[in-house]
C-alpha atoms as a PDB file:
ATOM      1  CA  MET A   1      -0.240   0.060  -0.091  1.00  0.00           C
ATOM      2  CA  ALA A   2       1.120   3.587  -0.881  1.00  0.00           C
ATOM      3  CA  GLY A   3       2.024   5.652   1.534  1.00  0.00           C
ATOM      4  CA  ARG A   4      -0.144   8.648   2.076  1.00  0.00           C
ATOM      5  CA  THR A   5       0.353  12.270   1.533  1.00  0.00           C
ATOM      6  CA  LYS A   6      -0.794  14.921   3.669  1.00  0.00           C
ATOM      7  CA  ARG A   7      -3.148  17.784   1.664  1.00  0.00           C
ATOM      8  CA  LEU A   8      -2.496  21.546   2.421  1.00  0.00           C
ATOM      9  CA  TRP A   9      -5.231  23.798   1.656  1.00  0.00           C
ATOM     10  CA  THR A  10      -5.116  27.262   1.124  1.00  0.00           C
ATOM     11  CA  ASP A  11      -7.324  29.604   2.904  1.00  0.00           C
ATOM     12  CA  GLU A  12      -9.412  30.449  -0.087  1.00  0.00           C
ATOM     13  CA  GLU A  13      -9.601  26.975  -0.302  1.00  0.00           C
ATOM     14  CA  LYS A  14     -11.369  26.638   2.886  1.00  0.00           C
ATOM     15  CA  ARG A  15     -12.940  29.421   2.232  1.00  0.00           C
ATOM     16  CA  SER A  16     -14.702  27.991  -1.237  1.00  0.00           C
ATOM     17  CA  ILE A  17     -14.973  24.202   0.422  1.00  0.00           C
ATOM     18  CA  CYS A  18     -16.661  25.458   3.503  1.00  0.00           C
ATOM     19  CA  VAL A  19     -19.255  27.981   1.291  1.00  0.00           C
ATOM     20  CA  GLN A  20     -20.066  25.009  -0.696  1.00  0.00           C
ATOM     21  CA  THR A  21     -21.785  23.221   2.653  1.00  0.00           C
ATOM     22  CA  SER A  22     -24.263  25.860   2.891  1.00  0.00           C
ATOM     23  CA  ALA A  23     -26.145  25.855  -0.192  1.00  0.00           C
ATOM     24  CA  PRO A  24     -29.983  24.495   0.337  1.00  0.00           C
ATOM     25  CA  GLY A  25     -29.936  20.857   0.294  1.00  0.00           C
ATOM     26  CA  VAL A  26     -26.883  19.897   0.288  1.00  0.00           C
ATOM     27  CA  SER A  27     -24.780  18.448   3.049  1.00  0.00           C
ATOM     28  CA  VAL A  28     -20.831  18.699   4.476  1.00  0.00           C
ATOM     29  CA  ALA A  29     -20.600  14.923   3.354  1.00  0.00           C
ATOM     30  CA  GLN A  30     -21.516  15.228  -0.117  1.00  0.00           C
ATOM     31  CA  VAL A  31     -19.054  17.948  -0.296  1.00  0.00           C
ATOM     32  CA  ALA A  32     -15.982  15.997   1.701  1.00  0.00           C
ATOM     33  CA  ARG A  33     -16.789  13.676  -0.637  1.00  0.00           C
ATOM     34  CA  ARG A  34     -16.639  15.593  -3.766  1.00  0.00           C
ATOM     35  CA  TYR A  35     -12.833  16.489  -2.659  1.00  0.00           C
ATOM     36  CA  SER A  36     -11.949  13.089  -1.047  1.00  0.00           C
ATOM     37  CA  MET A  37     -12.043  14.057   2.590  1.00  0.00           C
ATOM     38  CA  ASN A  38     -13.272  13.504   6.005  1.00  0.00           C
ATOM     39  CA  ALA A  39     -16.533  15.549   6.488  1.00  0.00           C
ATOM     40  CA  ASN A  40     -14.867  16.239  10.024  1.00  0.00           C
ATOM     41  CA  LEU A  41     -12.003  18.552   9.174  1.00  0.00           C
ATOM     42  CA  ILE A  42     -14.405  20.595   7.359  1.00  0.00           C
ATOM     43  CA  PHE A  43     -16.492  20.908  10.085  1.00  0.00           C
ATOM     44  CA  THR A  44     -13.309  21.465  12.151  1.00  0.00           C
ATOM     45  CA  TRP A  45     -13.177  24.330   9.176  1.00  0.00           C
ATOM     46  CA  LEU A  46     -16.298  25.394   9.704  1.00  0.00           C
ATOM     47  CA  ARG A  47     -15.823  26.448  13.538  1.00  0.00           C
ATOM     48  CA  ASP A  48     -12.979  28.573  12.381  1.00  0.00           C
ATOM     49  CA  PRO A  49     -14.839  32.357  11.762  1.00  0.00           C
ATOM     50  CA  ARG A  50     -12.174  33.048   9.142  1.00  0.00           C
ATOM     51  CA  TYR A  51     -13.112  29.946   6.583  1.00  0.00           C
ATOM     52  CA  ALA A  52     -17.181  30.143   7.466  1.00  0.00           C
ATOM     53  CA  PRO A  53     -19.621  31.065   5.814  1.00  0.00           C
ATOM     54  CA  GLU A  54     -21.085  34.415   6.507  1.00  0.00           C
ATOM     55  CA  ALA A  55     -24.075  34.458   8.595  1.00  0.00           C
ATOM     56  CA  SER A  56     -27.301  35.230   6.509  1.00  0.00           C
ATOM     57  CA  ALA A  57     -29.509  38.966   7.369  1.00  0.00           C
ATOM     58  CA  ASP A  58     -32.344  36.728   6.566  1.00  0.00           C
ATOM     59  CA  PRO A  59     -34.422  35.804  10.062  1.00  0.00           C
ATOM     60  CA  ASP A  60     -35.668  32.822   8.592  1.00  0.00           C
ATOM     61  CA  THR A  61     -33.350  31.125   7.848  1.00  0.00           C
ATOM     62  CA  VAL A  62     -32.395  27.946  10.337  1.00  0.00           C
ATOM     63  CA  ARG A  63     -29.186  28.468  12.538  1.00  0.00           C
ATOM     64  CA  PHE A  64     -27.377  26.032  15.113  1.00  0.00           C
ATOM     65  CA  LEU A  65     -27.359  26.806  18.529  1.00  0.00           C
ATOM     66  CA  PRO A  66     -25.294  25.158  21.090  1.00  0.00           C
ATOM     67  CA  VAL A  67     -27.337  22.505  22.999  1.00  0.00           C
ATOM     68  CA  GLU A  68     -26.539  20.508  26.545  1.00  0.00           C
ATOM     69  CA  ILE A  69     -28.449  17.287  26.667  1.00  0.00           C
ATOM     70  CA  VAL A  70     -28.553  16.246  30.008  1.00  0.00           C
ATOM     71  CA  ASP A  71     -30.251  13.553  31.893  1.00  0.00           C
ATOM     72  CA  ARG A  72     -32.075  14.989  34.948  1.00  0.00           C
ATOM     73  CA  PRO A  73     -30.933  18.948  35.684  1.00  0.00           C
ATOM     74  CA  MET A  74     -30.919  18.861  39.259  1.00  0.00           C
ATOM     75  CA  HIS A  75     -29.722  22.370  39.625  1.00  0.00           C
ATOM     76  CA  ASP A  76     -30.521  25.515  37.660  1.00  0.00           C
ATOM     77  CA  ASN A  77     -28.287  28.274  37.597  1.00  0.00           C
ATOM     78  CA  SER A  78     -28.898  29.845  41.169  1.00  0.00           C
ATOM     79  CA  GLY A  79     -28.289  26.241  42.836  1.00  0.00           C
ATOM     80  CA  THR A  80     -31.832  25.643  43.609  1.00  0.00           C
ATOM     81  CA  ALA A  81     -34.063  22.923  42.990  1.00  0.00           C
ATOM     82  CA  ALA A  82     -34.537  23.093  38.770  1.00  0.00           C
ATOM     83  CA  GLY A  83     -38.272  21.499  39.818  1.00  0.00           C
ATOM     84  CA  PRO A  84     -40.641  18.156  38.373  1.00  0.00           C
ATOM     85  CA  GLU A  85     -38.929  16.110  35.840  1.00  0.00           C
ATOM     86  CA  PRO A  86     -40.420  17.233  32.520  1.00  0.00           C
ATOM     87  CA  ALA A  87     -42.970  14.525  31.003  1.00  0.00           C
ATOM     88  CA  ALA A  88     -42.053  12.329  27.973  1.00  0.00           C
ATOM     89  CA  GLY A  89     -41.686  13.810  25.032  1.00  0.00           C
ATOM     90  CA  THR A  90     -41.489  17.223  26.165  1.00  0.00           C
ATOM     91  CA  ILE A  91     -38.552  19.361  25.278  1.00  0.00           C
ATOM     92  CA  GLU A  92     -37.064  21.817  28.120  1.00  0.00           C
ATOM     93  CA  ILE A  93     -34.979  24.604  26.927  1.00  0.00           C
ATOM     94  CA  ASP A  94     -32.270  27.176  28.802  1.00  0.00           C
ATOM     95  CA  THR A  95     -31.665  29.954  27.156  1.00  0.00           C
ATOM     96  CA  ALA A  96     -28.373  32.367  27.681  1.00  0.00           C
ATOM     97  CA  GLY A  97     -30.894  34.676  28.549  1.00  0.00           C
ATOM     98  CA  GLY A  98     -31.583  32.786  31.764  1.00  0.00           C
ATOM     99  CA  HIS A  99     -34.996  32.260  30.655  1.00  0.00           C
ATOM    100  CA  ARG A 100     -36.585  28.565  30.776  1.00  0.00           C
ATOM    101  CA  LEU A 101     -38.980  26.785  28.046  1.00  0.00           C
ATOM    102  CA  ARG A 102     -40.696  23.679  28.743  1.00  0.00           C
ATOM    103  CA  ILE A 103     -42.659  22.296  24.781  1.00  0.00           C
ATOM    104  CA  SER A 104     -45.147  19.282  25.292  1.00  0.00           C
ATOM    105  CA  GLY A 105     -46.644  18.462  22.548  1.00  0.00           C
ATOM    106  CA  ALA A 106     -46.635  19.513  19.034  1.00  0.00           C
ATOM    107  CA  TYR A 107     -45.207  22.777  17.787  1.00  0.00           C
ATOM    108  CA  ASP A 108     -43.532  24.363  14.901  1.00  0.00           C
ATOM    109  CA  PRO A 109     -40.271  24.507  14.632  1.00  0.00           C
ATOM    110  CA  ALA A 110     -40.148  27.842  12.896  1.00  0.00           C
ATOM    111  CA  ALA A 111     -41.939  29.933  15.936  1.00  0.00           C
ATOM    112  CA  LEU A 112     -40.128  27.717  18.050  1.00  0.00           C
ATOM    113  CA  ALA A 113     -37.255  29.166  16.375  1.00  0.00           C
ATOM    114  CA  ARG A 114     -38.150  33.121  16.191  1.00  0.00           C
ATOM    115  CA  LEU A 115     -38.952  32.837  20.177  1.00  0.00           C
ATOM    116  CA  ILE A 116     -35.869  31.475  21.022  1.00  0.00           C
ATOM    117  CA  ARG A 117     -33.718  34.126  18.733  1.00  0.00           C
ATOM    118  CA  GLY A 118     -36.994  36.781  20.857  1.00  0.00           C
ATOM    119  CA  LEU A 119     -35.816  35.699  24.378  1.00  0.00           C
ATOM    120  CA  SER A 120     -32.078  35.876  23.458  1.00  0.00           C
ATOM    121  CA  GLY A 121     -31.383  39.120  21.979  1.00  0.00           C
END
């Protein structure tokens, strides 16, 4: 088996590859296959502000937020008990602004995203 050589990507190539991942219907895996590279490398570049595509000014653009999944929250930030455990089928969200949302049953994801943006901003 021949030895592999490490490819070096210029900053412009990294930016170009990262921009391709933001096209509608295109996944990071598809772009990685296009360049015969591992998708994890593209994800690393996407976290770097030098290469990440510019954020859209469109308020309806889908954005991903950092999420922490916990088994059972025992305390909130004030050190007091977090309250009763949410029922199955319930989503509980603590925003950076200190608000706690508890959503049970069906919900409109776009409306929920607008609500979270409003509470976080």
